Amino acid sequence: VVRGRIVSIEKDMAVIDVGLKMEGRVALREFATPGKQPELTVGDEVEVYLERMENALGEAVLSREKARREESWTRLEKQFDKSEKVSGVIFNKVKGGFTVDLDGAVAFLPGSQVDIRPVRDIGPLMHQPLQFQILKMDRRRGNIVVSRRSVLEETRAEQRADIVARLEEGQVIEGLVKNITDDGAFIDLGGIDGLRHVTD
């Protein structure tokens, strides 16, 4: 990964001087982030991946996508080691789940890890910045597996502890009936369920 300077923009290509008495071209779309157009001007400094010194035209062969991937993997490995949450965007449906863009690195989100409960329509979650937990990473194979469910479960556990701390016997509170069974009615008290027994 090398630092270069944009010397000109020709139609859909950026011409980049990487300081080796050589220039290379990178498609502008490689600088785009999901849902945004690339904002580049002549003179901007950018980091690119140097694939080869020369091609048939005597230019350096450069890639912004590979540079982003390298940067992302290095950052994600540190976050994985610290068990930190990462930000990403679900951008495609694949067999068994979805693909997530973690700012350059592509991860797999299993269908069972999208939410705490099964999601019928994932449309509203697509192309939105979301928090994920990395479950597995294998740089050699280029595999990353993430979970949104574990992030939601952790948040829910924190909310539940907060609600329990504020509850007192004899307190009058409002709740929403979620389910009715032979035992009684299960009532959501804002993140924790209570049971109103059938005898009540």
Protein backbone atom coordinates (compact mmCIF):
# COMPACT_ATOMS: atom_id res chain seq x y z
CA VAL A 1 0.00 0.00 0.00
CA VAL A 2 1.56 3.29 -1.14
CA ARG A 3 0.56 6.95 -0.91
CA GLY A 4 0.01 8.79 -4.17
CA ARG A 5 -1.30 12.12 -5.44
CA ILE A 6 -4.09 12.61 -7.98
CA VAL A 7 -2.59 14.52 -10.92
CA SER A 8 -5.67 14.47 -13.17
CA ILE A 9 -9.17 13.05 -13.53
CA GLU A 10 -10.08 11.73 -16.97
CA LYS A 11 -13.75 10.78 -17.41
CA ASP A 12 -14.19 7.86 -14.99
CA MET A 13 -10.49 7.36 -14.13
CA ALA A 14 -8.14 9.05 -11.65
CA VAL A 15 -4.49 9.37 -12.76
CA ILE A 16 -2.26 8.94 -9.68
CA ASP A 17 1.44 9.74 -9.25
CA VAL A 18 2.91 7.18 -6.81
CA GLY A 19 6.37 8.79 -6.74
CA LEU A 20 8.22 6.12 -8.71
CA LYS A 21 8.52 8.34 -11.81
CA MET A 22 5.38 6.46 -12.68
CA GLU A 23 1.68 7.10 -12.83
CA GLY A 24 -1.20 4.69 -12.69
CA ARG A 25 -4.95 4.82 -13.25
CA VAL A 26 -7.71 3.80 -10.89
CA ALA A 27 -11.43 3.78 -11.73
CA LEU A 28 -13.27 6.47 -9.76
CA ARG A 29 -15.86 3.90 -8.62
CA GLU A 30 -13.14 2.22 -6.52
CA PHE A 31 -13.12 5.33 -4.32
CA ALA A 32 -16.87 5.25 -3.74
CA THR A 33 -18.37 4.11 -0.45
CA PRO A 34 -21.78 2.37 -0.30
CA GLY A 35 -24.52 4.87 -1.12
CA LYS A 36 -22.11 7.74 -1.86
CA GLN A 37 -20.40 9.12 -4.94
CA PRO A 38 -16.59 9.56 -4.82
CA GLU A 39 -15.48 13.10 -3.96
CA LEU A 40 -12.03 13.52 -5.47
CA THR A 41 -10.12 16.53 -6.73
CA VAL A 42 -6.72 17.00 -8.39
CA GLY A 43 -4.04 17.25 -5.70
CA ASP A 44 -5.75 14.90 -3.22
CA GLU A 45 -3.50 12.35 -1.54
CA VAL A 46 -4.80 8.77 -1.57
CA GLU A 47 -3.55 5.34 -0.55
CA VAL A 48 -3.50 2.65 -3.27
CA TYR A 49 -2.29 -0.92 -3.58
CA LEU A 50 0.65 -1.29 -5.99
CA GLU A 51 0.04 -4.53 -7.88
CA ARG A 52 2.77 -4.26 -10.52
CA MET A 53 5.40 -1.71 -11.50
CA GLU A 54 4.50 -1.61 -15.18
CA ASN A 55 1.82 -2.79 -17.52
CA ALA A 56 1.89 -2.79 -21.33
CA LEU A 57 1.36 1.00 -21.34
CA GLY A 58 4.35 1.62 -19.04
CA GLU A 59 2.09 2.52 -16.11
CA ALA A 60 1.96 1.31 -12.51
CA VAL A 61 -0.96 -1.09 -11.93
CA LEU A 62 -2.86 0.31 -8.93
CA SER A 63 -5.93 -0.69 -6.95
CA ARG A 64 -7.81 1.39 -4.38
CA GLU A 65 -10.12 -1.50 -3.47
CA LYS A 66 -7.19 -3.73 -2.47
CA ALA A 67 -5.65 -0.89 -0.45
CA ARG A 68 -8.94 -0.42 1.42
CA ARG A 69 -9.15 -4.18 2.00
CA GLU A 70 -5.61 -4.29 3.46
CA GLU A 71 -6.32 -1.29 5.71
CA SER A 72 -9.63 -2.80 6.82
CA TRP A 73 -8.20 -6.23 7.63
CA THR A 74 -5.43 -4.71 9.77
CA ARG A 75 -7.94 -2.54 11.67
CA LEU A 76 -10.52 -5.35 12.01
CA GLU A 77 -7.95 -7.80 13.39
CA LYS A 78 -7.17 -5.32 16.19
CA GLN A 79 -10.88 -4.85 16.91
CA PHE A 80 -11.43 -8.62 16.86
CA ASP A 81 -8.60 -9.14 19.38
CA LYS A 82 -10.21 -6.56 21.69
CA SER A 83 -13.76 -7.96 21.10
CA GLU A 84 -14.85 -4.52 19.90
CA LYS A 85 -17.98 -3.95 17.81
CA VAL A 86 -17.47 -2.96 14.18
CA SER A 87 -19.55 -0.85 11.81
CA GLY A 88 -20.74 -2.23 8.47
CA VAL A 89 -23.42 -2.17 5.78
CA ILE A 90 -25.46 -5.17 4.57
CA PHE A 91 -25.35 -4.91 0.76
CA ASN A 92 -26.31 -8.28 -0.74
CA LYS A 93 -28.22 -11.53 -0.12
CA VAL A 94 -26.32 -14.80 -0.59
CA LYS A 95 -27.02 -18.45 0.16
CA GLY A 96 -27.53 -18.87 3.90
CA GLY A 97 -27.23 -15.20 4.77
CA PHE A 98 -25.94 -11.81 3.63
CA THR A 99 -22.73 -10.00 2.71
CA VAL A 100 -21.58 -7.03 4.77
CA ASP A 101 -19.13 -4.30 3.73
CA LEU A 102 -16.87 -3.51 6.70
CA ASP A 103 -15.36 -0.43 5.02
CA GLY A 104 -13.45 -2.39 2.38
CA ALA A 105 -13.45 -5.93 3.76
CA VAL A 106 -16.40 -8.18 2.91
CA ALA A 107 -17.89 -10.31 5.69
CA PHE A 108 -20.58 -13.01 5.82
CA LEU A 109 -23.63 -12.52 8.06
CA PRO A 110 -25.48 -15.84 8.60
CA GLY A 111 -29.26 -15.54 8.38
CA SER A 112 -29.59 -16.72 12.01
CA GLN A 113 -27.36 -13.84 13.19
CA VAL A 114 -29.36 -10.95 11.70
CA ASP A 115 -31.68 -10.41 14.67
CA ILE A 116 -32.85 -11.95 17.95
CA ARG A 117 -36.08 -12.99 16.25
CA PRO A 118 -36.45 -14.18 12.62
CA VAL A 119 -36.66 -11.23 10.21
CA ARG A 120 -39.27 -11.55 7.44
CA ASP A 121 -38.15 -8.46 5.50
CA ILE A 122 -34.50 -7.43 5.65
CA GLY A 123 -35.11 -4.52 3.25
CA PRO A 124 -35.09 -1.77 5.93
CA LEU A 125 -31.71 -3.03 7.23
CA MET A 126 -30.00 -3.07 3.83
CA HIS A 127 -27.51 -0.28 2.99
CA GLN A 128 -27.75 1.17 6.53
CA PRO A 129 -24.76 1.57 8.90
CA LEU A 130 -25.16 -1.13 11.58
CA GLN A 131 -23.09 -2.51 14.47
CA PHE A 132 -21.72 -6.06 14.28
CA GLN A 133 -19.60 -8.42 16.38
CA ILE A 134 -16.89 -10.40 14.57
CA LEU A 135 -17.32 -14.12 15.34
CA LYS A 136 -14.47 -15.51 13.17
CA MET A 137 -11.59 -14.19 11.05
CA ASP A 138 -9.27 -16.10 8.70
CA ARG A 139 -7.00 -13.78 6.75
CA ARG A 140 -5.40 -16.58 4.73
CA ARG A 141 -8.78 -17.67 3.37
CA GLY A 142 -10.18 -14.14 3.36
CA ASN A 143 -13.12 -15.15 5.59
CA ILE A 144 -14.88 -12.94 8.14
CA VAL A 145 -18.11 -14.01 9.88
CA VAL A 146 -20.11 -11.38 11.77
CA SER A 147 -23.21 -11.25 13.98
CA ARG A 148 -25.73 -8.48 14.58
CA ARG A 149 -27.73 -10.69 16.93
CA SER A 150 -24.99 -10.78 19.60
CA VAL A 151 -24.84 -6.95 19.59
CA LEU A 152 -28.63 -6.74 20.07
CA GLU A 153 -28.56 -9.39 22.83
CA GLU A 154 -25.87 -7.46 24.71
CA THR A 155 -27.83 -4.20 24.44
CA ARG A 156 -31.00 -5.97 25.52
CA ALA A 157 -29.27 -7.50 28.56
CA GLU A 158 -28.11 -4.00 29.60
CA GLN A 159 -31.64 -2.61 29.18
CA ARG A 160 -33.10 -5.55 31.12
CA ALA A 161 -30.72 -4.99 34.04
CA ASP A 162 -31.66 -1.29 34.06
CA ILE A 163 -35.41 -2.07 34.04
CA VAL A 164 -35.09 -4.67 36.83
CA ALA A 165 -33.15 -2.16 38.95
CA ARG A 166 -36.04 0.32 38.64
CA LEU A 167 -38.88 -2.14 39.40
CA GLU A 168 -40.40 -2.33 42.86
CA GLU A 169 -43.14 -4.52 44.30
CA GLY A 170 -46.46 -2.71 44.38
CA GLN A 171 -45.44 -0.36 41.55
CA VAL A 172 -48.08 0.39 38.86
CA ILE A 173 -46.62 0.21 35.35
CA GLU A 174 -47.87 -0.02 31.78
CA GLY A 175 -47.05 -2.94 29.50
CA LEU A 176 -47.93 -4.39 26.12
CA VAL A 177 -49.52 -7.84 25.85
CA LYS A 178 -47.22 -9.88 23.59
CA ASN A 179 -48.60 -13.38 23.88
CA ILE A 180 -51.50 -15.25 25.49
CA THR A 181 -51.03 -18.87 26.57
CA ASP A 182 -52.78 -21.40 28.85
CA ASP A 183 -50.70 -20.04 31.77
CA GLY A 184 -51.72 -16.41 31.21
CA ALA A 185 -50.59 -13.31 29.35
CA PHE A 186 -46.95 -12.40 28.70
CA ILE A 187 -46.52 -8.63 28.95
CA ASP A 188 -43.58 -6.59 27.61
CA LEU A 189 -42.57 -4.03 30.22
CA GLY A 190 -40.20 -2.23 27.84
CA GLY A 191 -37.49 -4.84 27.25
CA ILE A 192 -38.33 -7.44 29.90
CA ASP A 193 -41.35 -9.78 29.90
CA GLY A 194 -43.71 -10.25 32.82
CA LEU A 195 -46.34 -12.97 33.25
CA ARG A 196 -49.86 -12.07 34.28
CA HIS A 197 -51.11 -15.41 35.50
CA VAL A 198 -54.36 -16.77 34.11
CA THR A 199 -55.95 -16.60 37.59
CA ASP A 200 -55.52 -12.76 37.48
